[in-house]
């Protein structure tokens, strides 16, 4: 009686497997959060987060342009109109 050995071809990797794509998405998400954190640390406001918040929480209400948003954030940060200056040093 002969032993029957079954030979199968090894699995062929897909050009871009799910694991690779998932890793890329995770890396891109990490980089996006890193950039957002760095910008907030040096005082650059996050316009994309503002727009997302306005569209989610206040739908139908107007959204400031980037220029208006930036001016308003700078005025709040540096105490325009006699307001309190909110910065670390």
N, C-alpha and C. Protein backbone atom coordinates (compact mmCIF):
# COMPACT_ATOMS: atom_id res chain seq x y z
N UNK A 1 0.84 -1.16 0.00
CA UNK A 1 0.00 0.00 0.00
C UNK A 1 0.90 1.24 0.00
N UNK A 2 0.64 2.14 -0.93
CA UNK A 2 1.44 3.35 -1.03
C UNK A 2 0.82 4.46 -0.17
N UNK A 3 1.73 5.23 0.45
CA UNK A 3 1.24 6.41 1.17
C UNK A 3 0.86 7.47 0.15
N UNK A 4 -0.27 8.05 0.37
CA UNK A 4 -0.73 9.10 -0.55
C UNK A 4 -0.29 10.45 0.01
N UNK A 5 0.48 11.16 -0.75
CA UNK A 5 0.93 12.49 -0.35
C UNK A 5 0.26 13.49 -1.26
N UNK A 6 -0.37 14.44 -0.65
CA UNK A 6 -1.07 15.46 -1.43
C UNK A 6 -0.19 16.70 -1.50
N UNK A 7 0.06 17.15 -2.68
CA UNK A 7 0.84 18.36 -2.87
C UNK A 7 -0.09 19.48 -3.32
N UNK A 8 -0.03 20.56 -2.61
CA UNK A 8 -0.81 21.73 -3.02
C UNK A 8 0.16 22.88 -3.22
N UNK A 9 -0.21 23.74 -4.09
CA UNK A 9 0.66 24.90 -4.32
C UNK A 9 0.53 25.83 -3.12
N UNK A 10 1.60 26.50 -2.77
CA UNK A 10 1.54 27.43 -1.64
C UNK A 10 0.60 28.58 -1.97
N UNK A 11 0.01 29.15 -0.96
CA UNK A 11 -0.91 30.27 -1.21
C UNK A 11 -0.15 31.43 -1.86
N UNK A 12 -0.77 32.01 -2.85
CA UNK A 12 -0.16 33.14 -3.54
C UNK A 12 -0.57 34.43 -2.84
N UNK A 13 0.41 35.24 -2.51
CA UNK A 13 0.05 36.51 -1.86
C UNK A 13 -0.64 37.42 -2.85
N UNK A 14 -1.63 38.13 -2.36
CA UNK A 14 -2.30 39.10 -3.22
C UNK A 14 -1.37 40.30 -3.38
N UNK A 15 -1.51 41.05 -4.45
CA UNK A 15 -0.62 42.20 -4.66
C UNK A 15 -0.60 43.14 -3.46
N UNK A 16 -1.74 43.39 -2.89
CA UNK A 16 -1.82 44.21 -1.68
C UNK A 16 -2.80 43.53 -0.74
N UNK A 17 -2.27 42.74 0.15
CA UNK A 17 -3.12 41.98 1.06
C UNK A 17 -3.84 42.87 2.05
N UNK A 18 -4.86 42.29 2.67
CA UNK A 18 -5.65 43.04 3.65
C UNK A 18 -4.79 43.53 4.79
N UNK A 19 -3.89 42.69 5.25
CA UNK A 19 -3.04 43.07 6.39
C UNK A 19 -2.18 44.29 6.03
N UNK A 20 -1.63 44.29 4.82
CA UNK A 20 -0.79 45.41 4.39
C UNK A 20 -1.62 46.69 4.31
N UNK A 21 -2.82 46.60 3.72
CA UNK A 21 -3.67 47.78 3.60
C UNK A 21 -4.08 48.27 4.98
N UNK A 22 -4.40 47.37 5.88
CA UNK A 22 -4.78 47.75 7.22
C UNK A 22 -3.63 48.45 7.92
N UNK A 23 -2.42 47.93 7.73
CA UNK A 23 -1.24 48.56 8.33
C UNK A 23 -1.00 49.95 7.78
N UNK A 24 -1.21 50.12 6.48
CA UNK A 24 -1.06 51.45 5.88
C UNK A 24 -2.08 52.42 6.43
N UNK A 25 -3.33 51.97 6.56
CA UNK A 25 -4.37 52.84 7.10
C UNK A 25 -4.04 53.24 8.53
N UNK A 26 -3.55 52.29 9.31
CA UNK A 26 -3.17 52.59 10.69
C UNK A 26 -2.02 53.59 10.75
N UNK A 27 -1.05 53.43 9.86
CA UNK A 27 0.08 54.34 9.83
C UNK A 27 -0.37 55.75 9.41
N UNK A 28 -1.25 55.82 8.43
CA UNK A 28 -1.75 57.13 7.98
C UNK A 28 -2.54 57.79 9.10
N UNK A 29 -3.38 57.01 9.80
CA UNK A 29 -4.13 57.56 10.94
C UNK A 29 -3.19 58.07 12.01
N UNK A 30 -2.14 57.30 12.30
CA UNK A 30 -1.15 57.71 13.30
C UNK A 30 -0.49 59.02 12.90
N UNK A 31 -0.07 59.11 11.64
CA UNK A 31 0.60 60.33 11.16
C UNK A 31 -0.33 61.53 11.21
N UNK A 32 -1.60 61.31 10.85
CA UNK A 32 -2.57 62.40 10.90
C UNK A 32 -2.73 62.92 12.33
N UNK A 33 -2.83 62.00 13.28
CA UNK A 33 -2.96 62.41 14.68
C UNK A 33 -1.69 63.08 15.19
N UNK A 34 -0.55 62.60 14.74
CA UNK A 34 0.72 63.20 15.14
C UNK A 34 0.83 64.63 14.64
N UNK A 35 0.46 64.86 13.39
CA UNK A 35 0.50 66.21 12.82
C UNK A 35 -0.49 67.11 13.56
N UNK A 36 -1.69 66.60 13.82
CA UNK A 36 -2.69 67.39 14.54
C UNK A 36 -2.18 67.79 15.92
N UNK A 37 -1.56 66.84 16.62
CA UNK A 37 -1.02 67.12 17.95
C UNK A 37 0.09 68.16 17.88
N UNK A 38 0.99 68.01 16.92
CA UNK A 38 2.10 68.96 16.78
C UNK A 38 1.57 70.36 16.49
N UNK A 39 0.57 70.46 15.63
CA UNK A 39 0.00 71.78 15.31
C UNK A 39 -0.64 72.41 16.54
N UNK A 40 -1.38 71.62 17.31
CA UNK A 40 -2.00 72.16 18.52
C UNK A 40 -0.96 72.58 19.54
N UNK A 41 0.16 71.86 19.60
CA UNK A 41 1.21 72.21 20.56
C UNK A 41 1.83 73.57 20.25
N UNK A 42 1.91 73.92 18.98
CA UNK A 42 2.50 75.21 18.62
C UNK A 42 1.44 76.27 18.37
N UNK A 43 0.18 75.93 18.59
CA UNK A 43 -0.87 76.93 18.53
C UNK A 43 -1.58 77.08 17.20
N UNK A 44 -1.43 76.15 16.30
CA UNK A 44 -2.14 76.22 15.02
C UNK A 44 -3.47 75.51 15.20
N UNK A 45 -4.59 76.22 15.01
CA UNK A 45 -5.90 75.59 15.22
C UNK A 45 -6.22 74.54 14.16
N UNK A 46 -7.11 73.62 14.51
CA UNK A 46 -7.47 72.51 13.63
C UNK A 46 -8.80 72.81 12.94
N UNK A 47 -8.72 73.36 11.73
CA UNK A 47 -9.91 73.75 10.99
C UNK A 47 -10.77 72.55 10.61
N UNK A 48 -10.15 71.44 10.22
CA UNK A 48 -10.91 70.25 9.83
C UNK A 48 -11.77 69.74 10.99
N UNK A 49 -11.22 69.76 12.20
CA UNK A 49 -11.99 69.32 13.37
C UNK A 49 -13.15 70.29 13.63
N UNK A 50 -12.90 71.58 13.44
CA UNK A 50 -13.95 72.59 13.61
C UNK A 50 -15.10 72.34 12.63
N UNK A 51 -14.76 72.13 11.35
CA UNK A 51 -15.78 71.91 10.32
C UNK A 51 -16.57 70.63 10.63
N UNK A 52 -15.87 69.56 11.01
CA UNK A 52 -16.55 68.31 11.34
C UNK A 52 -17.50 68.52 12.53
N UNK A 53 -17.06 69.25 13.54
CA UNK A 53 -17.89 69.53 14.71
C UNK A 53 -19.13 70.33 14.31
N UNK A 54 -18.93 71.38 13.53
CA UNK A 54 -20.07 72.22 13.11
C UNK A 54 -21.09 71.41 12.32
N UNK A 55 -20.61 70.58 11.41
CA UNK A 55 -21.52 69.80 10.59
C UNK A 55 -22.24 68.72 11.38
N UNK A 56 -21.61 68.20 12.42
CA UNK A 56 -22.22 67.15 13.23
C UNK A 56 -23.15 67.71 14.30
N UNK A 57 -22.66 68.68 15.05
CA UNK A 57 -23.40 69.18 16.20
C UNK A 57 -24.34 70.33 15.83
N UNK A 58 -23.96 71.14 14.86
CA UNK A 58 -24.75 72.31 14.47
C UNK A 58 -25.07 72.28 12.98
N UNK A 59 -25.75 71.24 12.51
CA UNK A 59 -26.03 71.15 11.07
C UNK A 59 -26.93 72.30 10.62
N UNK A 60 -26.67 72.79 9.43
CA UNK A 60 -27.47 73.88 8.88
C UNK A 60 -27.00 75.26 9.28
N UNK A 61 -26.15 75.36 10.29
CA UNK A 61 -25.62 76.67 10.69
C UNK A 61 -24.39 76.98 9.86
N UNK A 62 -24.10 78.26 9.66
CA UNK A 62 -22.95 78.61 8.81
C UNK A 62 -21.62 78.19 9.44
N UNK A 63 -20.67 77.90 8.56
CA UNK A 63 -19.32 77.51 8.97
C UNK A 63 -18.37 78.62 8.52
N UNK A 64 -17.51 79.08 9.43
CA UNK A 64 -16.56 80.13 9.08
C UNK A 64 -15.59 79.65 8.00
N UNK A 65 -15.10 80.58 7.21
CA UNK A 65 -14.04 80.26 6.27
C UNK A 65 -12.77 80.00 7.07
N UNK A 66 -11.77 79.39 6.44
CA UNK A 66 -10.52 79.13 7.15
C UNK A 66 -9.91 80.43 7.67
N UNK A 67 -9.93 81.47 6.84
CA UNK A 67 -9.33 82.74 7.24
C UNK A 67 -10.04 83.33 8.46
N UNK A 68 -11.38 83.32 8.46
CA UNK A 68 -12.14 83.83 9.61
C UNK A 68 -11.89 82.98 10.84
N UNK A 69 -11.87 81.67 10.66
CA UNK A 69 -11.61 80.75 11.77
C UNK A 69 -10.23 81.02 12.38
N UNK A 70 -9.22 81.16 11.53
CA UNK A 70 -7.86 81.39 12.01
C UNK A 70 -7.79 82.71 12.78
N UNK A 71 -8.38 83.78 12.22
CA UNK A 71 -8.37 85.09 12.91
C UNK A 71 -9.07 85.00 14.26
N UNK A 72 -10.21 84.33 14.31
CA UNK A 72 -10.95 84.20 15.56
C UNK A 72 -10.15 83.43 16.60
N UNK A 73 -9.50 82.33 16.19
CA UNK A 73 -8.68 81.53 17.12
C UNK A 73 -7.48 82.35 17.62
N UNK A 74 -6.84 83.09 16.72
CA UNK A 74 -5.70 83.92 17.14
C UNK A 74 -6.15 85.01 18.11
N UNK A 75 -7.29 85.63 17.84
CA UNK A 75 -7.80 86.67 18.74
C UNK A 75 -8.09 86.08 20.12
N UNK A 76 -8.67 84.89 20.17
CA UNK A 76 -8.93 84.24 21.46
C UNK A 76 -7.64 83.89 22.17
N UNK A 77 -6.68 83.42 21.43
CA UNK A 77 -5.43 82.98 22.05
C UNK A 77 -4.63 84.14 22.62
N UNK A 78 -4.57 85.23 21.90
CA UNK A 78 -3.71 86.34 22.31
C UNK A 78 -4.47 87.49 22.96
N UNK A 79 -5.69 87.28 23.36
CA UNK A 79 -6.41 88.24 24.17
C UNK A 79 -6.82 89.51 23.44
N UNK A 80 -7.29 89.40 22.24
CA UNK A 80 -7.79 90.58 21.52
C UNK A 80 -8.99 91.13 22.25
N UNK A 81 -9.21 92.42 22.13
CA UNK A 81 -10.36 93.09 22.76
C UNK A 81 -10.33 92.97 24.28
N UNK A 82 -9.14 93.00 24.85
CA UNK A 82 -9.01 93.00 26.30
C UNK A 82 -9.28 91.67 26.98
N UNK A 83 -9.31 90.59 26.22
CA UNK A 83 -9.54 89.28 26.81
C UNK A 83 -8.30 88.71 27.48
N UNK A 84 -8.46 87.62 28.16
CA UNK A 84 -7.35 86.95 28.84
C UNK A 84 -6.48 86.24 27.81
N UNK A 85 -5.18 86.34 27.98
CA UNK A 85 -4.24 85.66 27.10
C UNK A 85 -4.13 84.21 27.59
N UNK A 86 -4.41 83.26 26.67
CA UNK A 86 -4.31 81.85 27.07
C UNK A 86 -3.17 81.19 26.31
N UNK A 87 -2.03 81.19 26.92
CA UNK A 87 -0.87 80.51 26.38
C UNK A 87 0.03 80.12 27.54
N UNK A 88 0.99 79.28 27.27
CA UNK A 88 1.79 78.74 28.37
C UNK A 88 2.91 79.69 28.80
N UNK A 89 3.41 80.53 27.91
CA UNK A 89 4.53 81.39 28.31
C UNK A 89 4.51 82.71 27.57
